[in-house]
Amino acid sequence: MVSTGTVKTKLIGVPETLLITVYFRAKESLHKNGILKDSFSEDWVSRIEYDFEKFDDDRLSQLGTIIRTEILDEIVLQFMEENPNGIIVNLGVGLGTRFLRLDNGSINWFELDMPESIELREQFVQPTERYRFISKSAFDHSWIDDVSETVRGDNGKILIITEGTLMYFEEAKVKALFGEIKAHFPSAEVVTDTIAKLAVNNAKRHKTVAKLDAEFKWGVNKVKELDAWNFDIEVIKEYYFMSRHPKRWGILGWFRFIPFLKRMARFIHFKFGDK
């Protein structure tokens, strides 16, 4: 049931990281010249009892979160333009607001996350016939059966998105997840953000994640590394966070000219081949 008052949360570990992203979106939305406007995040953060201020010293993570949101918004809008009746599955949604901000009135959308995260989410928004919640880990592959009930033959293209989630898990788990996606939805497009292995190795220096009981475990330097999974991954496009809003990055904006540094944070948009 949707709450209209103060909301309490006891999230810990990786689920707690969802509070970082909703807070950064709310902060950016309140900024006079903000990249993103998100009234939902503003409202939700104002009602959650939590020490959000401990994240205030991480300006770069806020910027990265907002650019990540901006890029994925663009990808989703393009997908919906080409497939207005398609299916979008958001793995590890947290307190994401993308459907609420971008809904075209006909898309079928699934929000998937851990039960405790969905329970918190339901304090702010409820599912509908076209907008469904799945209270499961992305690594509980039975969620695929839940989505498959909606997929009948060629009933719309499928886009599977995930942001700020998979880097917290071991490569073996991520590989198994993509293997299941390919097996059940071979024509799906997938979008995931990745961080470089250097960022994984220096996770304890991350100003926000280091304050929580969570750590980075999976990183990708070159996209060709995914070839070792033998999933015949065909990259549609890579999106580098540091290539956007260079003035906001300050001196780090120069990273966009150095290949191994610009790959520190990016989205990889891909599909599966026929092999």
C-alpha atoms as a PDB file:
ATOM      1  CA  MET A   1       0.000   0.000   0.000  1.00  0.00           C
ATOM      2  CA  VAL A   2       1.279   3.456  -0.903  1.00  0.00           C
ATOM      3  CA  SER A   3       2.281   5.546   2.082  1.00  0.00           C
ATOM      4  CA  THR A   4       1.662   9.283   2.230  1.00  0.00           C
ATOM      5  CA  GLY A   5       3.832   9.951   5.256  1.00  0.00           C
ATOM      6  CA  THR A   6       7.293   9.180   6.551  1.00  0.00           C
ATOM      7  CA  VAL A   7       8.834   5.911   5.360  1.00  0.00           C
ATOM      8  CA  LYS A   8      11.349   3.923   7.387  1.00  0.00           C
ATOM      9  CA  THR A   9      13.912   1.567   5.905  1.00  0.00           C
ATOM     10  CA  LYS A  10      16.264  -1.049   7.303  1.00  0.00           C
ATOM     11  CA  LEU A  11      18.083  -1.946   4.103  1.00  0.00           C
ATOM     12  CA  ILE A  12      21.627  -3.251   4.454  1.00  0.00           C
ATOM     13  CA  GLY A  13      24.295  -4.537   2.081  1.00  0.00           C
ATOM     14  CA  VAL A  14      23.840  -4.193  -1.667  1.00  0.00           C
ATOM     15  CA  PRO A  15      20.107  -3.285  -1.402  1.00  0.00           C
ATOM     16  CA  GLU A  16      21.071  -0.231   0.651  1.00  0.00           C
ATOM     17  CA  THR A  17      22.950   1.183  -2.332  1.00  0.00           C
ATOM     18  CA  LEU A  18      19.607   2.022  -3.959  1.00  0.00           C
ATOM     19  CA  LEU A  19      19.376   4.892  -1.481  1.00  0.00           C
ATOM     20  CA  ILE A  20      22.519   6.428  -2.972  1.00  0.00           C
ATOM     21  CA  THR A  21      21.056   6.638  -6.454  1.00  0.00           C
ATOM     22  CA  VAL A  22      17.622   7.965  -5.495  1.00  0.00           C
ATOM     23  CA  TYR A  23      19.284  10.610  -3.325  1.00  0.00           C
ATOM     24  CA  PHE A  24      21.642  11.751  -6.072  1.00  0.00           C
ATOM     25  CA  ARG A  25      18.744  12.003  -8.516  1.00  0.00           C
ATOM     26  CA  ALA A  26      16.779  14.073  -6.021  1.00  0.00           C
ATOM     27  CA  LYS A  27      19.740  16.382  -5.387  1.00  0.00           C
ATOM     28  CA  GLU A  28      20.343  16.896  -9.088  1.00  0.00           C
ATOM     29  CA  SER A  29      16.670  17.525  -9.717  1.00  0.00           C
ATOM     30  CA  LEU A  30      16.694  20.327  -7.133  1.00  0.00           C
ATOM     31  CA  HIS A  31      19.744  21.933  -8.752  1.00  0.00           C
ATOM     32  CA  LYS A  32      18.897  25.065 -10.724  1.00  0.00           C
ATOM     33  CA  ASN A  33      20.801  23.869 -13.803  1.00  0.00           C
ATOM     34  CA  GLY A  34      20.439  20.160 -13.172  1.00  0.00           C
ATOM     35  CA  ILE A  35      20.853  17.597 -15.940  1.00  0.00           C
ATOM     36  CA  LEU A  36      17.804  15.685 -14.710  1.00  0.00           C
ATOM     37  CA  LYS A  37      14.419  16.660 -13.319  1.00  0.00           C
ATOM     38  CA  ASP A  38      12.867  13.941 -11.184  1.00  0.00           C
ATOM     39  CA  SER A  39      10.038  15.053  -8.907  1.00  0.00           C
ATOM     40  CA  PHE A  40       9.403  11.457  -7.836  1.00  0.00           C
ATOM     41  CA  SER A  41      12.887  11.088  -6.358  1.00  0.00           C
ATOM     42  CA  GLU A  42      12.552  14.488  -4.693  1.00  0.00           C
ATOM     43  CA  ASP A  43       9.343  13.402  -2.994  1.00  0.00           C
ATOM     44  CA  TRP A  44      10.566   9.952  -1.983  1.00  0.00           C
ATOM     45  CA  VAL A  45      13.829  11.169  -0.475  1.00  0.00           C
ATOM     46  CA  SER A  46      11.976  13.847   1.483  1.00  0.00           C
ATOM     47  CA  ARG A  47       9.908  11.118   3.155  1.00  0.00           C
ATOM     48  CA  ILE A  48      12.508   8.412   3.821  1.00  0.00           C
ATOM     49  CA  GLU A  49      14.046   8.390   7.292  1.00  0.00           C
ATOM     50  CA  TYR A  50      17.725   7.930   6.472  1.00  0.00           C
ATOM     51  CA  ASP A  51      21.055   9.717   6.884  1.00  0.00           C
ATOM     52  CA  PHE A  52      21.421  10.775   3.252  1.00  0.00           C
ATOM     53  CA  GLU A  53      23.804  13.605   4.125  1.00  0.00           C
ATOM     54  CA  LYS A  54      26.679  11.158   4.558  1.00  0.00           C
ATOM     55  CA  PHE A  55      26.800  10.949   0.745  1.00  0.00           C
ATOM     56  CA  ASP A  56      27.081  14.706   0.211  1.00  0.00           C
ATOM     57  CA  ASP A  57      30.868  14.729  -0.154  1.00  0.00           C
ATOM     58  CA  ASP A  58      30.850  12.580  -3.304  1.00  0.00           C
ATOM     59  CA  ARG A  59      30.220  15.052  -6.119  1.00  0.00           C
ATOM     60  CA  LEU A  60      31.676  12.770  -8.802  1.00  0.00           C
ATOM     61  CA  SER A  61      29.482   9.803  -7.916  1.00  0.00           C
ATOM     62  CA  GLN A  62      26.452  12.058  -8.077  1.00  0.00           C
ATOM     63  CA  LEU A  63      27.460  13.213 -11.545  1.00  0.00           C
ATOM     64  CA  GLY A  64      28.127   9.638 -12.677  1.00  0.00           C
ATOM     65  CA  THR A  65      24.730   8.528 -11.392  1.00  0.00           C
ATOM     66  CA  ILE A  66      22.952  11.339 -13.232  1.00  0.00           C
ATOM     67  CA  ILE A  67      24.770  10.744 -16.514  1.00  0.00           C
ATOM     68  CA  ARG A  68      23.996   7.053 -16.176  1.00  0.00           C
ATOM     69  CA  THR A  69      20.324   7.954 -15.785  1.00  0.00           C
ATOM     70  CA  GLU A  70      20.452  10.335 -18.737  1.00  0.00           C
ATOM     71  CA  ILE A  71      21.997   7.756 -21.072  1.00  0.00           C
ATOM     72  CA  LEU A  72      19.641   4.949 -20.126  1.00  0.00           C
ATOM     73  CA  ASP A  73      16.658   7.268 -20.481  1.00  0.00           C
ATOM     74  CA  GLU A  74      17.739   7.952 -24.070  1.00  0.00           C
ATOM     75  CA  ILE A  75      18.148   4.247 -24.843  1.00  0.00           C
ATOM     76  CA  VAL A  76      14.737   3.417 -23.385  1.00  0.00           C
ATOM     77  CA  LEU A  77      13.029   6.247 -25.267  1.00  0.00           C
ATOM     78  CA  GLN A  78      14.563   5.057 -28.531  1.00  0.00           C
ATOM     79  CA  PHE A  79      13.469   1.481 -27.832  1.00  0.00           C
ATOM     80  CA  MET A  80       9.896   2.584 -27.088  1.00  0.00           C
ATOM     81  CA  GLU A  81       9.779   4.703 -30.236  1.00  0.00           C
ATOM     82  CA  GLU A  82      10.702   1.652 -32.307  1.00  0.00           C
ATOM     83  CA  ASN A  83       8.709  -0.843 -30.193  1.00  0.00           C
ATOM     84  CA  PRO A  84       5.802   0.988 -28.531  1.00  0.00           C
ATOM     85  CA  ASN A  85       4.204  -2.268 -27.365  1.00  0.00           C
ATOM     86  CA  GLY A  86       7.475  -3.926 -26.396  1.00  0.00           C
ATOM     87  CA  ILE A  87       8.656  -5.329 -23.086  1.00  0.00           C
ATOM     88  CA  ILE A  88      11.213  -3.766 -20.772  1.00  0.00           C
ATOM     89  CA  VAL A  89      12.678  -5.634 -17.813  1.00  0.00           C
ATOM     90  CA  ASN A  90      14.582  -3.572 -15.260  1.00  0.00           C
ATOM     91  CA  LEU A  91      16.880  -5.775 -13.171  1.00  0.00           C
ATOM     92  CA  GLY A  92      17.735  -4.291  -9.777  1.00  0.00           C
ATOM     93  CA  VAL A  93      15.360  -1.355 -10.091  1.00  0.00           C
ATOM     94  CA  GLY A  94      15.765  -0.098  -6.526  1.00  0.00           C
ATOM     95  CA  LEU A  95      13.852   3.169  -6.320  1.00  0.00           C
ATOM     96  CA  GLY A  96      14.216   3.909 -10.003  1.00  0.00           C
ATOM     97  CA  THR A  97      11.625   6.242 -11.528  1.00  0.00           C
ATOM     98  CA  ARG A  98      12.172   5.646 -15.241  1.00  0.00           C
ATOM     99  CA  PHE A  99       8.785   4.112 -16.017  1.00  0.00           C
ATOM    100  CA  LEU A 100       7.005   6.873 -14.116  1.00  0.00           C
ATOM    101  CA  ARG A 101       8.909   9.543 -16.029  1.00  0.00           C
ATOM    102  CA  LEU A 102       8.938   8.011 -19.519  1.00  0.00           C
ATOM    103  CA  ASP A 103       5.891   5.744 -19.875  1.00  0.00           C
ATOM    104  CA  ASN A 104       4.455   5.874 -23.394  1.00  0.00           C
ATOM    105  CA  GLY A 105       1.082   4.444 -22.399  1.00  0.00           C
ATOM    106  CA  SER A 106       1.550   1.042 -24.061  1.00  0.00           C
ATOM    107  CA  ILE A 107       4.899  -0.456 -23.017  1.00  0.00           C
ATOM    108  CA  ASN A 108       4.911  -3.571 -20.796  1.00  0.00           C
ATOM    109  CA  TRP A 109       7.359  -3.030 -17.955  1.00  0.00           C
ATOM    110  CA  PHE A 110       8.745  -5.281 -15.229  1.00  0.00           C
ATOM    111  CA  GLU A 111      10.569  -3.941 -12.177  1.00  0.00           C
ATOM    112  CA  LEU A 112      12.659  -6.638 -10.493  1.00  0.00           C
ATOM    113  CA  ASP A 113      14.538  -6.436  -7.217  1.00  0.00           C
ATOM    114  CA  MET A 114      15.087  -8.155  -3.893  1.00  0.00           C
ATOM    115  CA  PRO A 115      11.927  -8.548  -1.766  1.00  0.00           C
ATOM    116  CA  GLU A 116      13.065  -5.936   0.769  1.00  0.00           C
ATOM    117  CA  SER A 117      13.695  -3.442  -2.021  1.00  0.00           C
ATOM    118  CA  ILE A 118      10.320  -4.047  -3.669  1.00  0.00           C
ATOM    119  CA  GLU A 119       8.651  -3.755  -0.262  1.00  0.00           C
ATOM    120  CA  LEU A 120      10.172  -0.285   0.115  1.00  0.00           C
ATOM    121  CA  ARG A 121       9.225   0.592  -3.456  1.00  0.00           C
ATOM    122  CA  GLU A 122       5.594  -0.289  -2.810  1.00  0.00           C
ATOM    123  CA  GLN A 123       5.503   2.423  -0.160  1.00  0.00           C
ATOM    124  CA  PHE A 124       5.642   4.927  -3.035  1.00  0.00           C
ATOM    125  CA  VAL A 125       4.100   3.291  -6.108  1.00  0.00           C
ATOM    126  CA  GLN A 126       1.948   0.266  -6.854  1.00  0.00           C
ATOM    127  CA  PRO A 127       2.066  -2.087  -9.859  1.00  0.00           C
ATOM    128  CA  THR A 128      -0.608  -2.201 -12.543  1.00  0.00           C
ATOM    129  CA  GLU A 129      -1.576  -4.621 -15.308  1.00  0.00           C
ATOM    130  CA  ARG A 130       1.082  -3.133 -17.579  1.00  0.00           C
ATOM    131  CA  TYR A 131       3.579  -2.213 -14.866  1.00  0.00           C
ATOM    132  CA  ARG A 132       4.560  -5.231 -12.797  1.00  0.00           C
ATOM    133  CA  PHE A 133       6.884  -5.880  -9.867  1.00  0.00           C
ATOM    134  CA  ILE A 134       8.878  -9.080  -9.318  1.00  0.00           C
ATOM    135  CA  SER A 135      10.242  -9.594  -5.801  1.00  0.00           C
ATOM    136  CA  LYS A 136      13.272 -11.712  -6.637  1.00  0.00           C
ATOM    137  CA  SER A 137      17.002 -11.467  -7.052  1.00  0.00           C
ATOM    138  CA  ALA A 138      18.163 -11.193 -10.651  1.00  0.00           C
ATOM    139  CA  PHE A 139      20.159 -14.335  -9.903  1.00  0.00           C
ATOM    140  CA  ASP A 140      17.014 -16.272  -9.035  1.00  0.00           C
ATOM    141  CA  HIS A 141      16.448 -17.143 -12.648  1.00  0.00           C
ATOM    142  CA  SER A 142      12.801 -18.055 -12.059  1.00  0.00           C
ATOM    143  CA  TRP A 143      12.005 -14.395 -12.810  1.00  0.00           C
ATOM    144  CA  ILE A 144      12.433 -15.406 -16.428  1.00  0.00           C
ATOM    145  CA  ASP A 145       9.330 -17.587 -16.118  1.00  0.00           C
ATOM    146  CA  ASP A 146       7.391 -14.601 -14.747  1.00  0.00           C
ATOM    147  CA  VAL A 147       8.349 -12.508 -17.759  1.00  0.00           C
ATOM    148  CA  SER A 148       7.877 -15.364 -20.231  1.00  0.00           C
ATOM    149  CA  GLU A 149       4.164 -15.448 -19.409  1.00  0.00           C
ATOM    150  CA  THR A 150       3.913 -12.053 -21.115  1.00  0.00           C
ATOM    151  CA  VAL A 151       6.085 -13.021 -24.072  1.00  0.00           C
ATOM    152  CA  ARG A 152       4.053 -14.999 -26.589  1.00  0.00           C
ATOM    153  CA  GLY A 153       5.700 -15.547 -29.911  1.00  0.00           C
ATOM    154  CA  ASP A 154       6.536 -12.178 -31.419  1.00  0.00           C
ATOM    155  CA  ASN A 155       4.540 -10.159 -28.889  1.00  0.00           C
ATOM    156  CA  GLY A 156       6.918  -7.222 -28.845  1.00  0.00           C
ATOM    157  CA  LYS A 157      10.662  -6.877 -28.628  1.00  0.00           C
ATOM    158  CA  ILE A 158      12.405  -7.200 -25.261  1.00  0.00           C
ATOM    159  CA  LEU A 159      14.878  -4.774 -23.712  1.00  0.00           C
ATOM    160  CA  ILE A 160      16.580  -5.830 -20.486  1.00  0.00           C
ATOM    161  CA  ILE A 161      18.247  -3.031 -18.548  1.00  0.00           C
ATOM    162  CA  THR A 162      20.299  -2.889 -15.408  1.00  0.00           C
ATOM    163  CA  GLU A 163      22.222  -0.037 -13.806  1.00  0.00           C
ATOM    164  CA  GLY A 164      24.294   0.224 -10.663  1.00  0.00           C
ATOM    165  CA  THR A 165      23.772  -3.449  -9.867  1.00  0.00           C
ATOM    166  CA  LEU A 166      25.931  -6.095 -11.528  1.00  0.00           C
ATOM    167  CA  MET A 167      29.289  -4.664 -10.421  1.00  0.00           C
ATOM    168  CA  TYR A 168      28.454  -5.827  -6.887  1.00  0.00           C
ATOM    169  CA  PHE A 169      28.466  -9.497  -7.898  1.00  0.00           C
ATOM    170  CA  GLU A 170      31.024 -12.071  -9.031  1.00  0.00           C
ATOM    171  CA  GLU A 171      31.660 -12.539 -12.736  1.00  0.00           C
ATOM    172  CA  ALA A 172      30.428 -16.137 -12.573  1.00  0.00           C
ATOM    173  CA  LYS A 173      26.998 -14.947 -11.419  1.00  0.00           C
ATOM    174  CA  VAL A 174      26.826 -12.259 -14.085  1.00  0.00           C
ATOM    175  CA  LYS A 175      27.857 -14.726 -16.784  1.00  0.00           C
ATOM    176  CA  ALA A 176      25.219 -17.245 -15.650  1.00  0.00           C
ATOM    177  CA  LEU A 177      22.569 -14.515 -15.693  1.00  0.00           C
ATOM    178  CA  PHE A 178      23.353 -13.492 -19.270  1.00  0.00           C
ATOM    179  CA  GLY A 179      23.481 -17.145 -20.270  1.00  0.00           C
ATOM    180  CA  GLU A 180      19.925 -17.644 -19.024  1.00  0.00           C
ATOM    181  CA  ILE A 181      18.761 -14.483 -20.766  1.00  0.00           C
ATOM    182  CA  LYS A 182      20.216 -15.672 -24.068  1.00  0.00           C
ATOM    183  CA  ALA A 183      18.686 -19.132 -23.660  1.00  0.00           C
ATOM    184  CA  HIS A 184      15.163 -17.826 -23.001  1.00  0.00           C
ATOM    185  CA  PHE A 185      15.139 -14.481 -24.830  1.00  0.00           C
ATOM    186  CA  PRO A 186      17.647 -14.904 -27.680  1.00  0.00           C
ATOM    187  CA  SER A 187      16.368 -11.843 -29.551  1.00  0.00           C
ATOM    188  CA  ALA A 188      16.518  -9.532 -26.530  1.00  0.00           C
ATOM    189  CA  GLU A 189      18.648  -6.431 -26.346  1.00  0.00           C
ATOM    190  CA  VAL A 190      20.559  -5.923 -23.104  1.00  0.00           C
ATOM    191  CA  VAL A 191      21.970  -2.758 -21.568  1.00  0.00           C
ATOM    192  CA  THR A 192      24.246  -2.905 -18.550  1.00  0.00           C
ATOM    193  CA  ASP A 193      26.678  -0.496 -17.005  1.00  0.00           C
ATOM    194  CA  THR A 194      30.184  -1.675 -16.218  1.00  0.00           C
ATOM    195  CA  ILE A 195      33.152  -0.305 -14.350  1.00  0.00           C
ATOM    196  CA  ALA A 196      36.819  -0.936 -15.048  1.00  0.00           C
ATOM    197  CA  LYS A 197      38.772  -3.491 -13.047  1.00  0.00           C
ATOM    198  CA  LEU A 198      40.831  -0.637 -11.629  1.00  0.00           C
ATOM    199  CA  ALA A 199      37.663   0.709 -10.004  1.00  0.00           C
ATOM    200  CA  VAL A 200      36.879  -2.730  -8.585  1.00  0.00           C
ATOM    201  CA  ASN A 201      40.345  -2.989  -7.063  1.00  0.00           C
ATOM    202  CA  ASN A 202      39.996   0.443  -5.477  1.00  0.00           C
ATOM    203  CA  ALA A 203      36.447   0.043  -4.188  1.00  0.00           C
ATOM    204  CA  LYS A 204      37.481   0.872  -0.609  1.00  0.00           C
ATOM    205  CA  ARG A 205      38.346   4.369  -1.808  1.00  0.00           C
ATOM    206  CA  HIS A 206      34.870   4.950  -3.241  1.00  0.00           C
ATOM    207  CA  LYS A 207      33.400   7.738  -1.123  1.00  0.00           C
ATOM    208  CA  THR A 208      29.857   6.396  -1.015  1.00  0.00           C
ATOM    209  CA  VAL A 209      30.080   2.615  -1.423  1.00  0.00           C
ATOM    210  CA  ALA A 210      32.809   2.442   1.241  1.00  0.00           C
ATOM    211  CA  LYS A 211      30.273   3.772   3.751  1.00  0.00           C
ATOM    212  CA  LEU A 212      27.983   0.785   3.215  1.00  0.00           C
ATOM    213  CA  ASP A 213      28.305  -2.957   3.631  1.00  0.00           C
ATOM    214  CA  ALA A 214      28.829  -3.475  -0.096  1.00  0.00           C
ATOM    215  CA  GLU A 215      31.781  -3.849  -2.445  1.00  0.00           C
ATOM    216  CA  PHE A 216      32.508  -4.010  -6.153  1.00  0.00           C
ATOM    217  CA  LYS A 217      33.319  -7.474  -7.505  1.00  0.00           C
ATOM    218  CA  TRP A 218      32.949  -7.405 -11.294  1.00  0.00           C
ATOM    219  CA  GLY A 219      34.668  -5.146 -13.772  1.00  0.00           C
ATOM    220  CA  VAL A 220      35.343  -5.042 -17.513  1.00  0.00           C
ATOM    221  CA  ASN A 221      38.228  -3.281 -19.198  1.00  0.00           C
ATOM    222  CA  LYS A 222      37.704  -4.074 -22.880  1.00  0.00           C
ATOM    223  CA  VAL A 223      34.362  -5.288 -24.163  1.00  0.00           C
ATOM    224  CA  LYS A 224      36.170  -8.072 -26.033  1.00  0.00           C
ATOM    225  CA  GLU A 225      36.630  -9.734 -22.644  1.00  0.00           C
ATOM    226  CA  LEU A 226      32.992 -10.799 -22.895  1.00  0.00           C
ATOM    227  CA  ASP A 227      33.865 -12.948 -25.911  1.00  0.00           C
ATOM    228  CA  ALA A 228      35.322 -15.460 -23.465  1.00  0.00           C
ATOM    229  CA  TRP A 229      31.778 -16.210 -22.306  1.00  0.00           C
ATOM    230  CA  ASN A 230      30.984 -17.675 -25.742  1.00  0.00           C
ATOM    231  CA  PHE A 231      27.564 -16.014 -25.935  1.00  0.00           C
ATOM    232  CA  ASP A 232      28.244 -14.475 -29.356  1.00  0.00           C
ATOM    233  CA  ILE A 233      27.667 -11.006 -27.947  1.00  0.00           C
ATOM    234  CA  GLU A 234      27.227  -8.325 -30.598  1.00  0.00           C
ATOM    235  CA  VAL A 235      27.825  -4.826 -29.261  1.00  0.00           C
ATOM    236  CA  ILE A 236      25.319  -2.257 -30.506  1.00  0.00           C
ATOM    237  CA  LYS A 237      27.010   0.699 -28.832  1.00  0.00           C
ATOM    238  CA  GLU A 238      29.165   1.718 -25.884  1.00  0.00           C
ATOM    239  CA  TYR A 239      28.332   4.891 -23.946  1.00  0.00           C
ATOM    240  CA  TYR A 240      31.128   6.485 -21.916  1.00  0.00           C
ATOM    241  CA  PHE A 241      30.009   8.533 -18.934  1.00  0.00           C
ATOM    242  CA  MET A 242      33.009  10.858 -19.053  1.00  0.00           C
ATOM    243  CA  SER A 243      32.233  11.842 -22.631  1.00  0.00           C
ATOM    244  CA  ARG A 244      29.256  13.817 -21.345  1.00  0.00           C
ATOM    245  CA  HIS A 245      29.109  17.142 -19.495  1.00  0.00           C
ATOM    246  CA  PRO A 246      32.915  17.572 -19.423  1.00  0.00           C
ATOM    247  CA  LYS A 247      32.737  20.862 -17.508  1.00  0.00           C
ATOM    248  CA  ARG A 248      30.972  19.127 -14.639  1.00  0.00           C
ATOM    249  CA  TRP A 249      33.798  16.570 -14.416  1.00  0.00           C
ATOM    250  CA  GLY A 250      36.408  19.277 -13.936  1.00  0.00           C
ATOM    251  CA  ILE A 251      39.956  18.144 -14.574  1.00  0.00           C
ATOM    252  CA  LEU A 252      38.728  14.540 -14.841  1.00  0.00           C
ATOM    253  CA  GLY A 253      36.969  15.548 -18.027  1.00  0.00           C
ATOM    254  CA  TRP A 254      40.306  14.945 -19.763  1.00  0.00           C
ATOM    255  CA  PHE A 255      39.812  11.230 -19.078  1.00  0.00           C
ATOM    256  CA  ARG A 256      37.508  11.093 -22.096  1.00  0.00           C
ATOM    257  CA  PHE A 257      40.557  11.415 -24.355  1.00  0.00           C
ATOM    258  CA  ILE A 258      42.401   8.477 -22.759  1.00  0.00           C
ATOM    259  CA  PRO A 259      40.903   5.113 -23.794  1.00  0.00           C
ATOM    260  CA  PHE A 260      41.558   3.060 -20.658  1.00  0.00           C
ATOM    261  CA  LEU A 261      40.395   5.895 -18.406  1.00  0.00           C
ATOM    262  CA  LYS A 262      37.222   6.721 -20.302  1.00  0.00           C
ATOM    263  CA  ARG A 263      36.235   3.075 -19.873  1.00  0.00           C
ATOM    264  CA  MET A 264      36.155   3.524 -16.102  1.00  0.00           C
ATOM    265  CA  ALA A 265      32.355   3.822 -16.295  1.00  0.00           C
ATOM    266  CA  ARG A 266      30.136   3.129 -19.287  1.00  0.00           C
ATOM    267  CA  PHE A 267      27.068   1.364 -20.636  1.00  0.00           C
ATOM    268  CA  ILE A 268      27.344  -1.577 -22.993  1.00  0.00           C
ATOM    269  CA  HIS A 269      24.290  -2.062 -25.219  1.00  0.00           C
ATOM    270  CA  PHE A 270      24.345  -5.471 -26.891  1.00  0.00           C
ATOM    271  CA  LYS A 271      22.399  -8.332 -28.386  1.00  0.00           C
ATOM    272  CA  PHE A 272      23.111 -12.009 -28.915  1.00  0.00           C
ATOM    273  CA  GLY A 273      24.172 -13.575 -32.194  1.00  0.00           C
ATOM    274  CA  ASP A 274      22.884 -16.864 -33.616  1.00  0.00           C
ATOM    275  CA  LYS A 275      25.771 -19.084 -32.571  1.00  0.00           C
END
